[in-house]
């Protein structure tokens, strides 16, 4: 049976991928194992809340994790530790 991920698990995957360094949209979505079109919507959501930052270098757009992204990851990991649902 296929296991579906909730939005929070996808956000965790995106932020964990950015822990390794800045990435472009395609590389970021491949690391998080989500389609690019869905990734774009979620990434814009994360930018609006200050979890990640978007910047341009040499004509290419990159993303990197922000301070709030580190905080979110820490809180989410602690929550998963306290409430193991699966």
C-alpha atoms as a PDB file:
ATOM      1  CA  UNK A   1       0.000   0.000   0.000  1.00  0.00           C
ATOM      2  CA  UNK A   2       1.242   3.485  -0.857  1.00  0.00           C
ATOM      3  CA  UNK A   3       2.150   5.800   1.996  1.00  0.00           C
ATOM      4  CA  UNK A   4       1.042   9.376   1.469  1.00  0.00           C
ATOM      5  CA  UNK A   5       2.865  12.297   3.030  1.00  0.00           C
ATOM      6  CA  UNK A   6       1.123  15.243   4.601  1.00  0.00           C
ATOM      7  CA  UNK A   7       2.154  18.811   3.846  1.00  0.00           C
ATOM      8  CA  UNK A   8       4.313  18.938   6.971  1.00  0.00           C
ATOM      9  CA  UNK A   9       6.307  15.883   5.903  1.00  0.00           C
ATOM     10  CA  UNK A  10       6.905  17.442   2.476  1.00  0.00           C
ATOM     11  CA  UNK A  11       8.030  20.706   4.096  1.00  0.00           C
ATOM     12  CA  UNK A  12      10.391  18.694   6.284  1.00  0.00           C
ATOM     13  CA  UNK A  13      11.844  17.003   3.182  1.00  0.00           C
ATOM     14  CA  UNK A  14      12.371  20.348   1.451  1.00  0.00           C
ATOM     15  CA  UNK A  15      14.048  21.926   4.476  1.00  0.00           C
ATOM     16  CA  UNK A  16      16.248  18.876   5.072  1.00  0.00           C
ATOM     17  CA  UNK A  17      17.369  19.047   1.448  1.00  0.00           C
ATOM     18  CA  UNK A  18      18.352  22.688   1.974  1.00  0.00           C
ATOM     19  CA  UNK A  19      20.392  21.794   5.064  1.00  0.00           C
ATOM     20  CA  UNK A  20      23.027  20.450   2.660  1.00  0.00           C
ATOM     21  CA  UNK A  21      23.315  23.806   0.908  1.00  0.00           C
ATOM     22  CA  UNK A  22      21.621  26.041  -1.626  1.00  0.00           C
ATOM     23  CA  UNK A  23      19.731  24.384  -4.461  1.00  0.00           C
ATOM     24  CA  UNK A  24      17.838  25.251  -7.601  1.00  0.00           C
ATOM     25  CA  UNK A  25      14.154  24.368  -7.975  1.00  0.00           C
ATOM     26  CA  UNK A  26      14.689  21.105  -9.872  1.00  0.00           C
ATOM     27  CA  UNK A  27      17.383  19.761  -7.577  1.00  0.00           C
ATOM     28  CA  UNK A  28      15.362  20.761  -4.511  1.00  0.00           C
ATOM     29  CA  UNK A  29      12.213  19.019  -5.732  1.00  0.00           C
ATOM     30  CA  UNK A  30      14.155  15.898  -6.726  1.00  0.00           C
ATOM     31  CA  UNK A  31      15.738  15.779  -3.255  1.00  0.00           C
ATOM     32  CA  UNK A  32      12.313  16.070  -1.627  1.00  0.00           C
ATOM     33  CA  UNK A  33      10.785  13.578  -4.101  1.00  0.00           C
ATOM     34  CA  UNK A  34       7.949  15.837  -5.268  1.00  0.00           C
ATOM     35  CA  UNK A  35       6.946  17.128  -8.719  1.00  0.00           C
ATOM     36  CA  UNK A  36       8.300  20.569  -9.627  1.00  0.00           C
ATOM     37  CA  UNK A  37       4.845  22.119 -10.163  1.00  0.00           C
ATOM     38  CA  UNK A  38       3.740  21.129  -6.651  1.00  0.00           C
ATOM     39  CA  UNK A  39       7.138  22.104  -5.292  1.00  0.00           C
ATOM     40  CA  UNK A  40       6.818  25.631  -6.678  1.00  0.00           C
ATOM     41  CA  UNK A  41       3.573  26.217  -4.773  1.00  0.00           C
ATOM     42  CA  UNK A  42       4.968  24.881  -1.507  1.00  0.00           C
ATOM     43  CA  UNK A  43       8.234  26.789  -1.915  1.00  0.00           C
ATOM     44  CA  UNK A  44       6.348  30.067  -2.432  1.00  0.00           C
ATOM     45  CA  UNK A  45       4.410  29.279   0.750  1.00  0.00           C
ATOM     46  CA  UNK A  46       7.691  28.726   2.632  1.00  0.00           C
ATOM     47  CA  UNK A  47       9.161  31.965   1.253  1.00  0.00           C
ATOM     48  CA  UNK A  48       6.103  33.929   2.399  1.00  0.00           C
ATOM     49  CA  UNK A  49       6.570  32.640   5.952  1.00  0.00           C
ATOM     50  CA  UNK A  50      10.328  33.241   5.970  1.00  0.00           C
ATOM     51  CA  UNK A  51      11.364  29.594   6.228  1.00  0.00           C
ATOM     52  CA  UNK A  52      13.463  29.754   3.068  1.00  0.00           C
ATOM     53  CA  UNK A  53      14.936  32.515   0.930  1.00  0.00           C
ATOM     54  CA  UNK A  54      15.100  32.930  -2.820  1.00  0.00           C
ATOM     55  CA  UNK A  55      17.965  34.723  -4.533  1.00  0.00           C
ATOM     56  CA  UNK A  56      19.486  34.980  -7.978  1.00  0.00           C
ATOM     57  CA  UNK A  57      23.106  34.261  -8.842  1.00  0.00           C
ATOM     58  CA  UNK A  58      24.498  34.296 -12.375  1.00  0.00           C
ATOM     59  CA  UNK A  59      20.981  34.427 -13.835  1.00  0.00           C
ATOM     60  CA  UNK A  60      19.803  31.317 -11.976  1.00  0.00           C
ATOM     61  CA  UNK A  61      17.410  31.216  -9.001  1.00  0.00           C
ATOM     62  CA  UNK A  62      18.571  29.436  -5.848  1.00  0.00           C
ATOM     63  CA  UNK A  63      16.930  28.702  -2.519  1.00  0.00           C
ATOM     64  CA  UNK A  64      18.468  28.467   0.932  1.00  0.00           C
ATOM     65  CA  UNK A  65      17.078  27.767   4.379  1.00  0.00           C
ATOM     66  CA  UNK A  66      16.479  30.675   6.752  1.00  0.00           C
ATOM     67  CA  UNK A  67      16.662  30.951  10.521  1.00  0.00           C
ATOM     68  CA  UNK A  68      12.926  30.266  10.851  1.00  0.00           C
ATOM     69  CA  UNK A  69      13.406  27.152   8.725  1.00  0.00           C
ATOM     70  CA  UNK A  70      15.942  25.797  11.221  1.00  0.00           C
ATOM     71  CA  UNK A  71      13.541  26.560  14.062  1.00  0.00           C
ATOM     72  CA  UNK A  72      10.644  24.868  12.251  1.00  0.00           C
ATOM     73  CA  UNK A  73      12.711  21.730  11.656  1.00  0.00           C
ATOM     74  CA  UNK A  74      13.733  21.530  15.316  1.00  0.00           C
ATOM     75  CA  UNK A  75      10.170  21.954  16.536  1.00  0.00           C
ATOM     76  CA  UNK A  76       8.788  19.449  14.016  1.00  0.00           C
ATOM     77  CA  UNK A  77      11.395  16.825  14.905  1.00  0.00           C
ATOM     78  CA  UNK A  78      10.649  17.295  18.607  1.00  0.00           C
ATOM     79  CA  UNK A  79       6.907  16.994  17.945  1.00  0.00           C
ATOM     80  CA  UNK A  80       7.397  13.776  15.981  1.00  0.00           C
ATOM     81  CA  UNK A  81       9.511  12.449  18.849  1.00  0.00           C
ATOM     82  CA  UNK A  82       6.856  13.295  21.440  1.00  0.00           C
ATOM     83  CA  UNK A  83       3.889  12.054  19.389  1.00  0.00           C
ATOM     84  CA  UNK A  84       4.962   9.044  17.317  1.00  0.00           C
ATOM     85  CA  UNK A  85       1.834   8.313  15.289  1.00  0.00           C
ATOM     86  CA  UNK A  86       3.235   5.640  13.006  1.00  0.00           C
END
